[in-house]
Amino acid sequence: MTYDQDWDRQLNPFRYNADGTLTDAAKRQNVTMELNSAGGGGGGGAGHGQGGRQASVRTAALTKAATALEGLRGDTDKVDQHALSETDIASSALHGWRTADALGTMHRRWADEAVNLSKLLSDATMKLHNTSNSYDETDHAEKSRMDSLDGGRN
C-alpha cells in the first residue's frame, strides 16, 4: 500500500473493506470538482443537476494546513532535539551503569522515530503545498481560457 493509499484509508475508512480493498460503492463513486476560478456564486461544473457530489477546493485551507504542519514539524524537531540532548547528558552521568546502555538504546530509538515523524510531516506539508499550487495554476489557466472564449468580458 502506498503512502497516499494509507493516508486515504486512515481519513476515509468507510471506503474500504476489512481486507483493505475499496468497497463497491467507493469504486462507483463519481466525484466532480468545481474550481474556485469563477469568483461567482455557483453554476457550471459537470456535476450540477446530475445528482453527483460536488467538491470545491479552497486552496487557502490547504495552505493554512501546510503552514500549521510546518509549525508543528519545527516545534516537534525542537522538542526532539532537547529530549535527545537531555538523554545524552543523563547517559553520560550514568557512564558505567547498565542504565546508561539502556538510555543509549532508547536514544537511538527516539532519534529514529523523530526522523520518521519529521519526514512524514515534511511529506504531508509538501503534498499540501503542491496540491494548492496545482489547483491555483489550473484555476488560473481555466480562467484565462474562459476569458479568451468570451472576449475577456466578465
C-alpha atoms as a PDB file:
ATOM      1  CA  MET A   1       0.000   0.000   0.000  1.00  0.00           C
ATOM      2  CA  THR A   2       1.411   3.385  -0.958  1.00  0.00           C
ATOM      3  CA  TYR A   3       1.625   6.340   1.409  1.00  0.00           C
ATOM      4  CA  ASP A   4      -1.303   8.030  -0.392  1.00  0.00           C
ATOM      5  CA  GLN A   5      -3.461   4.910  -0.164  1.00  0.00           C
ATOM      6  CA  ASP A   6      -2.638   4.523   3.528  1.00  0.00           C
ATOM      7  CA  TRP A   7      -3.454   8.201   4.114  1.00  0.00           C
ATOM      8  CA  ASP A   8      -6.798   7.843   2.283  1.00  0.00           C
ATOM      9  CA  ARG A   9      -7.631   4.703   4.230  1.00  0.00           C
ATOM     10  CA  GLN A  10      -6.974   6.489   7.538  1.00  0.00           C
ATOM     11  CA  LEU A  11      -9.050   9.512   6.546  1.00  0.00           C
ATOM     12  CA  ASN A  12     -11.843   7.566   4.813  1.00  0.00           C
ATOM     13  CA  PRO A  13     -12.127   4.145   6.474  1.00  0.00           C
ATOM     14  CA  PHE A  14     -15.717   3.798   5.251  1.00  0.00           C
ATOM     15  CA  ARG A  15     -14.400   3.487   1.679  1.00  0.00           C
ATOM     16  CA  TYR A  16     -12.508   0.260   2.457  1.00  0.00           C
ATOM     17  CA  ASN A  17     -13.398  -3.361   3.161  1.00  0.00           C
ATOM     18  CA  ALA A  18     -11.796  -5.209   6.068  1.00  0.00           C
ATOM     19  CA  ASP A  19      -9.197  -6.676   3.686  1.00  0.00           C
ATOM     20  CA  GLY A  20      -8.095  -3.187   2.592  1.00  0.00           C
ATOM     21  CA  THR A  21      -9.722  -3.151  -0.847  1.00  0.00           C
ATOM     22  CA  LEU A  22     -12.098  -0.404  -1.940  1.00  0.00           C
ATOM     23  CA  THR A  23     -15.791  -1.042  -1.392  1.00  0.00           C
ATOM     24  CA  ASP A  24     -18.001  -1.372  -4.473  1.00  0.00           C
ATOM     25  CA  ALA A  25     -19.621   1.965  -3.636  1.00  0.00           C
ATOM     26  CA  ALA A  26     -16.203   3.661  -3.478  1.00  0.00           C
ATOM     27  CA  LYS A  27     -15.294   2.193  -6.858  1.00  0.00           C
ATOM     28  CA  ARG A  28     -18.511   3.595  -8.407  1.00  0.00           C
ATOM     29  CA  GLN A  29     -18.339   6.944  -6.669  1.00  0.00           C
ATOM     30  CA  ASN A  30     -18.449   9.824  -9.103  1.00  0.00           C
ATOM     31  CA  VAL A  31     -16.984  12.928  -7.535  1.00  0.00           C
ATOM     32  CA  THR A  32     -16.825  16.002  -9.721  1.00  0.00           C
ATOM     33  CA  MET A  33     -14.761  19.053  -8.942  1.00  0.00           C
ATOM     34  CA  GLU A  34     -15.538  22.697  -9.117  1.00  0.00           C
ATOM     35  CA  LEU A  35     -12.589  25.028  -9.391  1.00  0.00           C
ATOM     36  CA  ASN A  36     -12.693  28.274  -7.455  1.00  0.00           C
ATOM     37  CA  SER A  37     -11.923  30.369 -10.514  1.00  0.00           C
ATOM     38  CA  ALA A  38     -15.223  31.978 -11.389  1.00  0.00           C
ATOM     39  CA  GLY A  39     -15.466  34.099  -8.270  1.00  0.00           C
ATOM     40  CA  GLY A  40     -19.217  33.763  -8.606  1.00  0.00           C
ATOM     41  CA  GLY A  41     -21.791  32.043  -6.511  1.00  0.00           C
ATOM     42  CA  GLY A  42     -22.115  28.794  -8.383  1.00  0.00           C
ATOM     43  CA  GLY A  43     -23.174  27.416 -11.714  1.00  0.00           C
ATOM     44  CA  GLY A  44     -21.048  25.431 -14.084  1.00  0.00           C
ATOM     45  CA  GLY A  45     -19.349  22.164 -13.360  1.00  0.00           C
ATOM     46  CA  ALA A  46     -20.098  18.730 -14.689  1.00  0.00           C
ATOM     47  CA  GLY A  47     -21.833  17.502 -11.563  1.00  0.00           C
ATOM     48  CA  HIS A  48     -24.634  20.062 -11.381  1.00  0.00           C
ATOM     49  CA  GLY A  49     -28.067  18.602 -11.890  1.00  0.00           C
ATOM     50  CA  GLN A  50     -26.755  15.074 -12.267  1.00  0.00           C
ATOM     51  CA  GLY A  51     -27.092  14.006  -8.657  1.00  0.00           C
ATOM     52  CA  GLY A  52     -23.288  13.729  -8.392  1.00  0.00           C
ATOM     53  CA  ARG A  53     -21.327  15.012  -5.468  1.00  0.00           C
ATOM     54  CA  GLN A  54     -19.682  18.386  -5.880  1.00  0.00           C
ATOM     55  CA  ALA A  55     -16.239  19.082  -4.431  1.00  0.00           C
ATOM     56  CA  SER A  56     -14.951  22.582  -4.032  1.00  0.00           C
ATOM     57  CA  VAL A  57     -11.268  23.146  -3.391  1.00  0.00           C
ATOM     58  CA  ARG A  58     -10.304  26.030  -1.129  1.00  0.00           C
ATOM     59  CA  THR A  59      -6.578  26.472  -1.647  1.00  0.00           C
ATOM     60  CA  ALA A  60      -6.370  28.870   1.316  1.00  0.00           C
ATOM     61  CA  ALA A  61      -7.372  25.982   3.598  1.00  0.00           C
ATOM     62  CA  LEU A  62      -4.680  23.767   2.057  1.00  0.00           C
ATOM     63  CA  THR A  63      -2.076  26.489   2.555  1.00  0.00           C
ATOM     64  CA  LYS A  64      -3.217  27.076   6.136  1.00  0.00           C
ATOM     65  CA  ALA A  65      -2.938  23.344   6.880  1.00  0.00           C
ATOM     66  CA  ALA A  66       0.539  23.207   5.311  1.00  0.00           C
ATOM     67  CA  THR A  67       1.659  26.185   7.387  1.00  0.00           C
ATOM     68  CA  ALA A  68       0.308  24.554  10.546  1.00  0.00           C
ATOM     69  CA  LEU A  69       2.175  21.328   9.713  1.00  0.00           C
ATOM     70  CA  GLU A  70       5.386  23.294   9.120  1.00  0.00           C
ATOM     71  CA  GLY A  71       4.988  24.875  12.557  1.00  0.00           C
ATOM     72  CA  LEU A  72       4.245  21.506  14.130  1.00  0.00           C
ATOM     73  CA  ARG A  73       7.303  19.988  12.475  1.00  0.00           C
ATOM     74  CA  GLY A  74       9.526  22.815  13.727  1.00  0.00           C
ATOM     75  CA  ASP A  75       8.147  22.542  17.261  1.00  0.00           C
ATOM     76  CA  THR A  76       8.465  18.752  17.211  1.00  0.00           C
ATOM     77  CA  ASP A  77      12.072  18.934  15.976  1.00  0.00           C
ATOM     78  CA  LYS A  78      12.959  21.359  18.810  1.00  0.00           C
ATOM     79  CA  VAL A  79      11.363  19.099  21.425  1.00  0.00           C
ATOM     80  CA  ASP A  80      13.080  16.048  19.964  1.00  0.00           C
ATOM     81  CA  GLN A  81      16.484  17.734  19.985  1.00  0.00           C
ATOM     82  CA  HIS A  82      16.001  18.834  23.592  1.00  0.00           C
ATOM     83  CA  ALA A  83      14.945  15.325  24.663  1.00  0.00           C
ATOM     84  CA  LEU A  84      17.909  13.759  22.849  1.00  0.00           C
ATOM     85  CA  SER A  85      20.298  16.256  24.423  1.00  0.00           C
ATOM     86  CA  GLU A  86      18.947  15.553  27.906  1.00  0.00           C
ATOM     87  CA  THR A  87      19.195  11.807  27.281  1.00  0.00           C
ATOM     88  CA  ASP A  88      22.856  12.240  26.271  1.00  0.00           C
ATOM     89  CA  ILE A  89      23.556  14.166  29.479  1.00  0.00           C
ATOM     90  CA  ALA A  90      21.851  11.510  31.612  1.00  0.00           C
ATOM     91  CA  SER A  91      23.608   8.695  29.775  1.00  0.00           C
ATOM     92  CA  SER A  92      26.999  10.368  30.311  1.00  0.00           C
ATOM     93  CA  ALA A  93      26.267  10.904  34.002  1.00  0.00           C
ATOM     94  CA  LEU A  94      25.428   7.219  34.387  1.00  0.00           C
ATOM     95  CA  HIS A  95      28.514   6.009  32.494  1.00  0.00           C
ATOM     96  CA  GLY A  96      29.428   2.522  33.646  1.00  0.00           C
ATOM     97  CA  TRP A  97      25.921   1.634  34.816  1.00  0.00           C
ATOM     98  CA  ARG A  98      23.542  -0.643  32.904  1.00  0.00           C
ATOM     99  CA  THR A  99      21.090   2.229  32.836  1.00  0.00           C
ATOM    100  CA  ALA A 100      23.495   4.159  30.593  1.00  0.00           C
ATOM    101  CA  ASP A 101      23.314   1.384  27.983  1.00  0.00           C
ATOM    102  CA  ALA A 102      19.518   1.345  28.187  1.00  0.00           C
ATOM    103  CA  LEU A 103      19.427   5.119  27.742  1.00  0.00           C
ATOM    104  CA  GLY A 104      21.697   4.760  24.719  1.00  0.00           C
ATOM    105  CA  THR A 105      19.290   2.250  23.174  1.00  0.00           C
ATOM    106  CA  MET A 106      16.329   4.482  23.947  1.00  0.00           C
ATOM    107  CA  HIS A 107      18.198   7.458  22.453  1.00  0.00           C
ATOM    108  CA  ARG A 108      18.735   5.631  19.157  1.00  0.00           C
ATOM    109  CA  ARG A 109      15.097   4.527  19.002  1.00  0.00           C
ATOM    110  CA  TRP A 110      13.839   8.009  19.842  1.00  0.00           C
ATOM    111  CA  ALA A 111      16.102   9.555  17.204  1.00  0.00           C
ATOM    112  CA  ASP A 112      14.885   7.085  14.559  1.00  0.00           C
ATOM    113  CA  GLU A 113      11.227   7.792  15.370  1.00  0.00           C
ATOM    114  CA  ALA A 114      11.862  11.547  15.465  1.00  0.00           C
ATOM    115  CA  VAL A 115      13.381  11.395  11.981  1.00  0.00           C
ATOM    116  CA  ASN A 116      10.442   9.300  10.759  1.00  0.00           C
ATOM    117  CA  LEU A 117       7.869  11.721  12.201  1.00  0.00           C
ATOM    118  CA  SER A 118       9.697  14.723  10.788  1.00  0.00           C
ATOM    119  CA  LYS A 119       9.783  13.065   7.352  1.00  0.00           C
ATOM    120  CA  LEU A 120       6.046  12.275   7.496  1.00  0.00           C
ATOM    121  CA  LEU A 121       5.218  15.869   8.462  1.00  0.00           C
ATOM    122  CA  SER A 122       7.509  17.193   5.748  1.00  0.00           C
ATOM    123  CA  ASP A 123       5.948  14.911   3.107  1.00  0.00           C
ATOM    124  CA  ALA A 124       2.424  15.911   4.122  1.00  0.00           C
ATOM    125  CA  THR A 125       3.396  19.605   4.041  1.00  0.00           C
ATOM    126  CA  MET A 126       4.941  19.246   0.594  1.00  0.00           C
ATOM    127  CA  LYS A 127       1.840  17.450  -0.728  1.00  0.00           C
ATOM    128  CA  LEU A 128      -0.461  20.147   0.637  1.00  0.00           C
ATOM    129  CA  HIS A 129       1.664  22.905  -0.952  1.00  0.00           C
ATOM    130  CA  ASN A 130       1.881  21.018  -4.256  1.00  0.00           C
ATOM    131  CA  THR A 131      -1.865  20.388  -4.316  1.00  0.00           C
ATOM    132  CA  SER A 132      -2.651  24.019  -3.544  1.00  0.00           C
ATOM    133  CA  ASN A 133      -0.241  25.244  -6.223  1.00  0.00           C
ATOM    134  CA  SER A 134      -1.629  22.790  -8.759  1.00  0.00           C
ATOM    135  CA  TYR A 135      -5.204  23.929  -8.151  1.00  0.00           C
ATOM    136  CA  ASP A 136      -4.176  27.595  -8.295  1.00  0.00           C
ATOM    137  CA  GLU A 137      -2.323  27.083 -11.588  1.00  0.00           C
ATOM    138  CA  THR A 138      -5.182  25.063 -13.095  1.00  0.00           C
ATOM    139  CA  ASP A 139      -7.663  27.630 -11.839  1.00  0.00           C
ATOM    140  CA  HIS A 140      -5.701  30.488 -13.410  1.00  0.00           C
ATOM    141  CA  ALA A 141      -5.304  28.631 -16.713  1.00  0.00           C
ATOM    142  CA  GLU A 142      -9.021  27.810 -16.838  1.00  0.00           C
ATOM    143  CA  LYS A 143      -9.980  31.409 -16.040  1.00  0.00           C
ATOM    144  CA  SER A 144      -7.654  32.643 -18.805  1.00  0.00           C
ATOM    145  CA  ARG A 145      -9.162  30.134 -21.219  1.00  0.00           C
ATOM    146  CA  MET A 146     -12.695  31.203 -20.309  1.00  0.00           C
ATOM    147  CA  ASP A 147     -11.765  34.892 -20.604  1.00  0.00           C
ATOM    148  CA  SER A 148     -10.384  34.265 -24.101  1.00  0.00           C
ATOM    149  CA  LEU A 149     -13.609  32.498 -25.147  1.00  0.00           C
ATOM    150  CA  ASP A 150     -15.863  35.395 -24.189  1.00  0.00           C
ATOM    151  CA  GLY A 151     -13.539  38.091 -25.452  1.00  0.00           C
ATOM    152  CA  GLY A 152     -12.334  38.995 -21.954  1.00  0.00           C
ATOM    153  CA  ARG A 153     -15.787  40.156 -20.813  1.00  0.00           C
ATOM    154  CA  ASN A 154     -16.584  39.424 -17.143  1.00  0.00           C
END
